Amino acid sequence: MMHHGPNIYAQPKCTCSCGRYCTGESNVRIEFQNKGDSPENIGLTANYPAKVIPLHLEELGGVVVRKQSYLCAVGHVDIALSMDCCSSTCCLGDLGFVRQKLIGSGIAFITAGGTVLEKTLGDGEKLLVDQESLVGWQDTVQLGLKTYAGCLGCISICAGGESCFLASLTGPGRIYITSMSFSKWHRTLNPPLPNGK
């Protein structure tokens, strides 16, 4: 929280949610309530330089997001588990086995650094995305993997700094892509030292 009006009060609420706990969120959330008669403002910020993306869940349905990209919500929003049981995408993908799935009828806010691309894929339309750049996608979108540059992928991995696989997203549904993920931003600020020092 960065700022709020004088009639806003914070109340801690224990959620006891397995979905929150397994995806890196606290089971204690802070609920801000306006106890005044007129509208008030509240300012919330991300933990790193990032843009805030509103997700209108009543329109979108469920949205699967990268762990720890959830910021806050207005109205009814729950963090559920999205478990990836596909051995290729959970073991070779950048997103892991457990992801956050935002469900409800309210507005959820997620964070992403750099430039954020929001794209709606048509039915059967495919897009290949660097896995590190993928922030979220509607649960109607199918996630898969594709090898990078075919058999020449080994050269691009060893000499070009690219990953082994790209995320393959197949519509219909909306996807969110960032040009500066948290891990990329962290590597930029804290590059590895020569000779491991």
C-alpha atoms as a PDB file:
ATOM      1  CA  MET A   1       0.000   0.000   0.000  1.00  0.00           C
ATOM      2  CA  MET A   2       1.332   3.432  -0.964  1.00  0.00           C
ATOM      3  CA  HIS A   3      -1.434   5.822   0.164  1.00  0.00           C
ATOM      4  CA  HIS A   4      -5.132   5.996   1.000  1.00  0.00           C
ATOM      5  CA  GLY A   5      -7.801   8.424   2.142  1.00  0.00           C
ATOM      6  CA  PRO A   6      -8.643   9.083   5.817  1.00  0.00           C
ATOM      7  CA  ASN A   7     -11.757   6.878   5.861  1.00  0.00           C
ATOM      8  CA  ILE A   8     -10.035   3.726   4.552  1.00  0.00           C
ATOM      9  CA  TYR A   9      -9.431   1.050   7.186  1.00  0.00           C
ATOM     10  CA  ALA A  10      -7.318  -2.097   6.789  1.00  0.00           C
ATOM     11  CA  GLN A  11      -8.515  -5.390   8.212  1.00  0.00           C
ATOM     12  CA  PRO A  12      -6.482  -8.621   8.106  1.00  0.00           C
ATOM     13  CA  LYS A  13      -8.483 -11.662   6.987  1.00  0.00           C
ATOM     14  CA  CYS A  14      -7.356 -15.279   7.279  1.00  0.00           C
ATOM     15  CA  THR A  15      -8.341 -17.216   4.157  1.00  0.00           C
ATOM     16  CA  CYS A  16      -6.878 -20.702   4.872  1.00  0.00           C
ATOM     17  CA  SER A  17      -6.646 -21.262   1.119  1.00  0.00           C
ATOM     18  CA  CYS A  18      -4.514 -24.079  -0.268  1.00  0.00           C
ATOM     19  CA  GLY A  19      -4.473 -22.250  -3.614  1.00  0.00           C
ATOM     20  CA  ARG A  20      -2.948 -19.141  -2.053  1.00  0.00           C
ATOM     21  CA  TYR A  21      -0.401 -21.050   0.023  1.00  0.00           C
ATOM     22  CA  CYS A  22       0.829 -23.359  -2.775  1.00  0.00           C
ATOM     23  CA  THR A  23       1.310 -20.474  -5.202  1.00  0.00           C
ATOM     24  CA  GLY A  24       3.424 -18.345  -2.871  1.00  0.00           C
ATOM     25  CA  GLU A  25       0.737 -16.018  -1.504  1.00  0.00           C
ATOM     26  CA  SER A  26       0.063 -15.387   2.175  1.00  0.00           C
ATOM     27  CA  ASN A  27      -3.057 -16.898   3.724  1.00  0.00           C
ATOM     28  CA  VAL A  28      -3.543 -13.610   5.552  1.00  0.00           C
ATOM     29  CA  ARG A  29      -4.788 -10.928   3.207  1.00  0.00           C
ATOM     30  CA  ILE A  30      -5.442  -7.297   3.976  1.00  0.00           C
ATOM     31  CA  GLU A  31      -8.924  -6.053   3.145  1.00  0.00           C
ATOM     32  CA  PHE A  32      -9.344  -2.298   2.768  1.00  0.00           C
ATOM     33  CA  GLN A  33     -12.794  -0.880   3.524  1.00  0.00           C
ATOM     34  CA  ASN A  34     -14.138   2.630   3.044  1.00  0.00           C
ATOM     35  CA  LYS A  35     -16.026   3.507   6.233  1.00  0.00           C
ATOM     36  CA  GLY A  36     -16.896   7.020   5.065  1.00  0.00           C
ATOM     37  CA  ASP A  37     -19.893   8.311   3.115  1.00  0.00           C
ATOM     38  CA  SER A  38     -17.962   9.516   0.061  1.00  0.00           C
ATOM     39  CA  PRO A  39     -15.635   7.656  -2.331  1.00  0.00           C
ATOM     40  CA  GLU A  40     -11.966   7.430  -1.317  1.00  0.00           C
ATOM     41  CA  ASN A  41      -8.744   6.717  -3.209  1.00  0.00           C
ATOM     42  CA  ILE A  42      -6.186   4.036  -2.443  1.00  0.00           C
ATOM     43  CA  GLY A  43      -2.823   3.516  -4.137  1.00  0.00           C
ATOM     44  CA  LEU A  44      -1.203   0.077  -4.322  1.00  0.00           C
ATOM     45  CA  THR A  45       2.148  -0.665  -5.956  1.00  0.00           C
ATOM     46  CA  ALA A  46       4.012  -3.687  -7.251  1.00  0.00           C
ATOM     47  CA  ASN A  47       7.234  -4.958  -5.635  1.00  0.00           C
ATOM     48  CA  TYR A  48       9.312  -3.951  -8.677  1.00  0.00           C
ATOM     49  CA  PRO A  49       8.939  -1.423 -11.539  1.00  0.00           C
ATOM     50  CA  ALA A  50       5.872  -2.827 -13.258  1.00  0.00           C
ATOM     51  CA  LYS A  51       2.615  -1.993 -14.946  1.00  0.00           C
ATOM     52  CA  VAL A  52      -0.695  -2.971 -13.352  1.00  0.00           C
ATOM     53  CA  ILE A  53      -3.100  -4.912 -15.587  1.00  0.00           C
ATOM     54  CA  PRO A  54      -6.820  -5.110 -14.694  1.00  0.00           C
ATOM     55  CA  LEU A  55      -8.559  -8.431 -15.378  1.00  0.00           C
ATOM     56  CA  HIS A  56     -12.364  -8.251 -15.475  1.00  0.00           C
ATOM     57  CA  LEU A  57     -13.051 -11.836 -14.427  1.00  0.00           C
ATOM     58  CA  GLU A  58     -16.809 -11.653 -14.982  1.00  0.00           C
ATOM     59  CA  GLU A  59     -16.053 -11.160 -18.685  1.00  0.00           C
ATOM     60  CA  LEU A  60     -12.910 -13.335 -18.929  1.00  0.00           C
ATOM     61  CA  GLY A  61     -13.810 -16.273 -16.687  1.00  0.00           C
ATOM     62  CA  GLY A  62     -10.773 -17.986 -15.166  1.00  0.00           C
ATOM     63  CA  VAL A  63      -7.320 -16.553 -15.896  1.00  0.00           C
ATOM     64  CA  VAL A  64      -4.125 -18.517 -15.213  1.00  0.00           C
ATOM     65  CA  VAL A  65      -1.214 -16.276 -14.208  1.00  0.00           C
ATOM     66  CA  ARG A  66       2.455 -16.660 -13.368  1.00  0.00           C
ATOM     67  CA  LYS A  67       3.108 -17.151  -9.665  1.00  0.00           C
ATOM     68  CA  GLN A  68       3.431 -13.933  -7.669  1.00  0.00           C
ATOM     69  CA  SER A  69       2.063 -11.704 -10.422  1.00  0.00           C
ATOM     70  CA  TYR A  70      -1.232 -11.173  -8.529  1.00  0.00           C
ATOM     71  CA  LEU A  71      -1.366  -7.752  -6.841  1.00  0.00           C
ATOM     72  CA  CYS A  72      -4.881  -7.131  -5.509  1.00  0.00           C
ATOM     73  CA  ALA A  73      -8.571  -7.283  -6.368  1.00  0.00           C
ATOM     74  CA  VAL A  74     -11.853  -5.404  -6.127  1.00  0.00           C
ATOM     75  CA  GLY A  75     -14.972  -7.471  -5.522  1.00  0.00           C
ATOM     76  CA  HIS A  76     -15.124 -11.257  -5.385  1.00  0.00           C
ATOM     77  CA  VAL A  77     -11.823 -12.794  -6.581  1.00  0.00           C
ATOM     78  CA  ASP A  78     -10.333 -16.108  -5.423  1.00  0.00           C
ATOM     79  CA  ILE A  79      -6.870 -17.525  -6.036  1.00  0.00           C
ATOM     80  CA  ALA A  80      -7.234 -21.167  -6.983  1.00  0.00           C
ATOM     81  CA  LEU A  81      -4.678 -23.776  -8.011  1.00  0.00           C
ATOM     82  CA  SER A  82      -3.985 -24.522 -11.632  1.00  0.00           C
ATOM     83  CA  MET A  83      -1.981 -27.746 -11.662  1.00  0.00           C
ATOM     84  CA  ASP A  84      -0.166 -28.783 -14.819  1.00  0.00           C
ATOM     85  CA  CYS A  85      -0.083 -32.565 -15.046  1.00  0.00           C
ATOM     86  CA  CYS A  86       1.599 -32.602 -18.479  1.00  0.00           C
ATOM     87  CA  SER A  87       5.170 -33.804 -17.972  1.00  0.00           C
ATOM     88  CA  SER A  88       6.583 -31.704 -20.823  1.00  0.00           C
ATOM     89  CA  THR A  89       5.063 -28.335 -19.901  1.00  0.00           C
ATOM     90  CA  CYS A  90       5.528 -28.656 -16.124  1.00  0.00           C
ATOM     91  CA  CYS A  91       9.087 -30.066 -16.225  1.00  0.00           C
ATOM     92  CA  LEU A  92      10.494 -28.302 -19.302  1.00  0.00           C
ATOM     93  CA  GLY A  93       8.400 -25.147 -19.129  1.00  0.00           C
ATOM     94  CA  ASP A  94       9.299 -22.045 -17.174  1.00  0.00           C
ATOM     95  CA  LEU A  95       6.004 -21.942 -15.246  1.00  0.00           C
ATOM     96  CA  GLY A  96       6.330 -25.076 -13.103  1.00  0.00           C
ATOM     97  CA  PHE A  97       3.735 -27.539 -11.838  1.00  0.00           C
ATOM     98  CA  VAL A  98       1.543 -25.163  -9.792  1.00  0.00           C
ATOM     99  CA  ARG A  99       0.188 -21.857 -11.088  1.00  0.00           C
ATOM    100  CA  GLN A 100      -2.276 -19.269  -9.857  1.00  0.00           C
ATOM    101  CA  LYS A 101      -5.754 -19.286 -11.334  1.00  0.00           C
ATOM    102  CA  LEU A 102      -7.846 -16.194 -10.685  1.00  0.00           C
ATOM    103  CA  ILE A 103     -11.596 -16.843 -10.586  1.00  0.00           C
ATOM    104  CA  GLY A 104     -14.628 -14.859  -9.493  1.00  0.00           C
ATOM    105  CA  SER A 105     -16.802 -11.959 -10.589  1.00  0.00           C
ATOM    106  CA  GLY A 106     -14.602  -9.035  -9.518  1.00  0.00           C
ATOM    107  CA  ILE A 107     -11.609  -7.250 -11.016  1.00  0.00           C
ATOM    108  CA  ALA A 108      -8.169  -8.744 -10.325  1.00  0.00           C
ATOM    109  CA  PHE A 109      -4.997  -6.740 -10.848  1.00  0.00           C
ATOM    110  CA  ILE A 110      -1.747  -8.401 -11.918  1.00  0.00           C
ATOM    111  CA  THR A 111       1.703  -6.903 -12.468  1.00  0.00           C
ATOM    112  CA  ALA A 112       4.112  -7.140 -15.385  1.00  0.00           C
ATOM    113  CA  GLY A 113       7.242  -5.130 -16.208  1.00  0.00           C
ATOM    114  CA  GLY A 114       8.278  -3.436 -19.435  1.00  0.00           C
ATOM    115  CA  THR A 115       5.828  -3.279 -22.305  1.00  0.00           C
ATOM    116  CA  VAL A 116       2.736  -5.452 -21.887  1.00  0.00           C
ATOM    117  CA  LEU A 117       1.047  -6.995 -24.915  1.00  0.00           C
ATOM    118  CA  GLU A 118      -2.565  -8.067 -24.532  1.00  0.00           C
ATOM    119  CA  LYS A 119      -3.689 -10.223 -27.447  1.00  0.00           C
ATOM    120  CA  THR A 120      -6.911 -12.088 -28.147  1.00  0.00           C
ATOM    121  CA  LEU A 121      -6.335 -15.345 -30.019  1.00  0.00           C
ATOM    122  CA  GLY A 122      -9.033 -16.602 -32.359  1.00  0.00           C
ATOM    123  CA  ASP A 123     -10.280 -20.181 -32.358  1.00  0.00           C
ATOM    124  CA  GLY A 124      -7.313 -22.378 -33.332  1.00  0.00           C
ATOM    125  CA  GLU A 125      -4.954 -19.394 -33.698  1.00  0.00           C
ATOM    126  CA  LYS A 126      -1.426 -20.115 -32.395  1.00  0.00           C
ATOM    127  CA  LEU A 127       1.282 -17.881 -31.014  1.00  0.00           C
ATOM    128  CA  LEU A 128       4.797 -18.879 -29.921  1.00  0.00           C
ATOM    129  CA  VAL A 129       6.064 -16.937 -26.916  1.00  0.00           C
ATOM    130  CA  ASP A 130       9.282 -16.901 -24.921  1.00  0.00           C
ATOM    131  CA  GLN A 131       8.259 -18.684 -21.710  1.00  0.00           C
ATOM    132  CA  GLU A 132       9.810 -16.056 -19.481  1.00  0.00           C
ATOM    133  CA  SER A 133       7.643 -13.379 -21.140  1.00  0.00           C
ATOM    134  CA  LEU A 134       4.333 -15.148 -20.545  1.00  0.00           C
ATOM    135  CA  VAL A 135       2.348 -13.489 -17.736  1.00  0.00           C
ATOM    136  CA  GLY A 136      -1.129 -14.976 -18.028  1.00  0.00           C
ATOM    137  CA  TRP A 137      -3.786 -16.497 -20.246  1.00  0.00           C
ATOM    138  CA  GLN A 138      -7.481 -17.234 -20.201  1.00  0.00           C
ATOM    139  CA  ASP A 139      -8.242 -20.799 -19.158  1.00  0.00           C
ATOM    140  CA  THR A 140      -9.738 -21.428 -22.619  1.00  0.00           C
ATOM    141  CA  VAL A 141      -6.230 -21.106 -24.129  1.00  0.00           C
ATOM    142  CA  GLN A 142      -4.221 -24.330 -24.487  1.00  0.00           C
ATOM    143  CA  LEU A 143      -0.578 -24.216 -23.393  1.00  0.00           C
ATOM    144  CA  GLY A 144       2.052 -26.406 -25.042  1.00  0.00           C
ATOM    145  CA  LEU A 145       5.769 -26.381 -25.864  1.00  0.00           C
ATOM    146  CA  LYS A 146       7.684 -26.144 -29.115  1.00  0.00           C
ATOM    147  CA  THR A 147      11.426 -26.624 -29.533  1.00  0.00           C
ATOM    148  CA  TYR A 148      13.317 -23.454 -30.345  1.00  0.00           C
ATOM    149  CA  ALA A 149      14.762 -23.301 -33.900  1.00  0.00           C
ATOM    150  CA  GLY A 150      14.349 -27.043 -34.513  1.00  0.00           C
ATOM    151  CA  CYS A 151      17.599 -29.024 -34.551  1.00  0.00           C
ATOM    152  CA  LEU A 152      19.635 -25.789 -34.585  1.00  0.00           C
ATOM    153  CA  GLY A 153      18.171 -24.956 -31.182  1.00  0.00           C
ATOM    154  CA  CYS A 154      21.288 -26.289 -29.443  1.00  0.00           C
ATOM    155  CA  ILE A 155      23.391 -23.547 -31.048  1.00  0.00           C
ATOM    156  CA  SER A 156      20.902 -20.828 -30.078  1.00  0.00           C
ATOM    157  CA  ILE A 157      20.828 -22.158 -26.505  1.00  0.00           C
ATOM    158  CA  CYS A 158      24.589 -22.485 -26.036  1.00  0.00           C
ATOM    159  CA  ALA A 159      25.732 -19.441 -28.006  1.00  0.00           C
ATOM    160  CA  GLY A 160      22.680 -17.181 -28.258  1.00  0.00           C
ATOM    161  CA  GLY A 161      21.280 -17.215 -24.723  1.00  0.00           C
ATOM    162  CA  GLU A 162      17.862 -18.520 -25.793  1.00  0.00           C
ATOM    163  CA  SER A 163      15.841 -21.160 -23.970  1.00  0.00           C
ATOM    164  CA  CYS A 164      15.280 -24.708 -25.214  1.00  0.00           C
ATOM    165  CA  PHE A 165      11.530 -24.351 -25.701  1.00  0.00           C
ATOM    166  CA  LEU A 166       8.953 -21.735 -26.569  1.00  0.00           C
ATOM    167  CA  ALA A 167       5.448 -21.656 -25.091  1.00  0.00           C
ATOM    168  CA  SER A 168       2.870 -22.564 -27.719  1.00  0.00           C
ATOM    169  CA  LEU A 169      -0.487 -20.909 -27.038  1.00  0.00           C
ATOM    170  CA  THR A 170      -3.586 -21.980 -28.961  1.00  0.00           C
ATOM    171  CA  GLY A 171      -6.827 -19.955 -28.851  1.00  0.00           C
ATOM    172  CA  PRO A 172      -9.534 -19.039 -28.321  1.00  0.00           C
ATOM    173  CA  GLY A 173      -8.823 -16.626 -25.497  1.00  0.00           C
ATOM    174  CA  ARG A 174      -6.825 -13.662 -24.272  1.00  0.00           C
ATOM    175  CA  ILE A 175      -3.123 -13.774 -23.386  1.00  0.00           C
ATOM    176  CA  TYR A 176      -0.797 -11.331 -21.614  1.00  0.00           C
ATOM    177  CA  ILE A 177       2.905 -11.054 -22.523  1.00  0.00           C
ATOM    178  CA  THR A 178       5.612  -8.845 -20.985  1.00  0.00           C
ATOM    179  CA  SER A 179       8.881  -7.550 -22.411  1.00  0.00           C
ATOM    180  CA  MET A 180      10.551  -7.434 -18.966  1.00  0.00           C
ATOM    181  CA  SER A 181       9.721 -10.263 -16.581  1.00  0.00           C
ATOM    182  CA  PHE A 182      10.778 -10.086 -12.941  1.00  0.00           C
ATOM    183  CA  SER A 183      13.506 -12.706 -13.459  1.00  0.00           C
ATOM    184  CA  LYS A 184      14.911 -10.822 -16.485  1.00  0.00           C
ATOM    185  CA  TRP A 185      14.857  -7.545 -14.543  1.00  0.00           C
ATOM    186  CA  HIS A 186      16.629  -9.250 -11.623  1.00  0.00           C
ATOM    187  CA  ARG A 187      19.362 -10.652 -13.916  1.00  0.00           C
ATOM    188  CA  THR A 188      19.879  -7.189 -15.419  1.00  0.00           C
ATOM    189  CA  LEU A 189      20.394  -5.617 -12.007  1.00  0.00           C
ATOM    190  CA  ASN A 190      22.461  -8.483 -10.627  1.00  0.00           C
ATOM    191  CA  PRO A 191      24.489 -10.027 -13.481  1.00  0.00           C
ATOM    192  CA  PRO A 192      26.690 -13.032 -12.714  1.00  0.00           C
ATOM    193  CA  LEU A 193      30.239 -12.070 -11.779  1.00  0.00           C
ATOM    194  CA  PRO A 194      33.168 -13.299 -13.905  1.00  0.00           C
ATOM    195  CA  ASN A 195      34.902 -16.437 -12.570  1.00  0.00           C
ATOM    196  CA  GLY A 196      31.994 -17.017 -10.160  1.00  0.00           C
ATOM    197  CA  LYS A 197      33.133 -14.310  -7.694  1.00  0.00           C
END
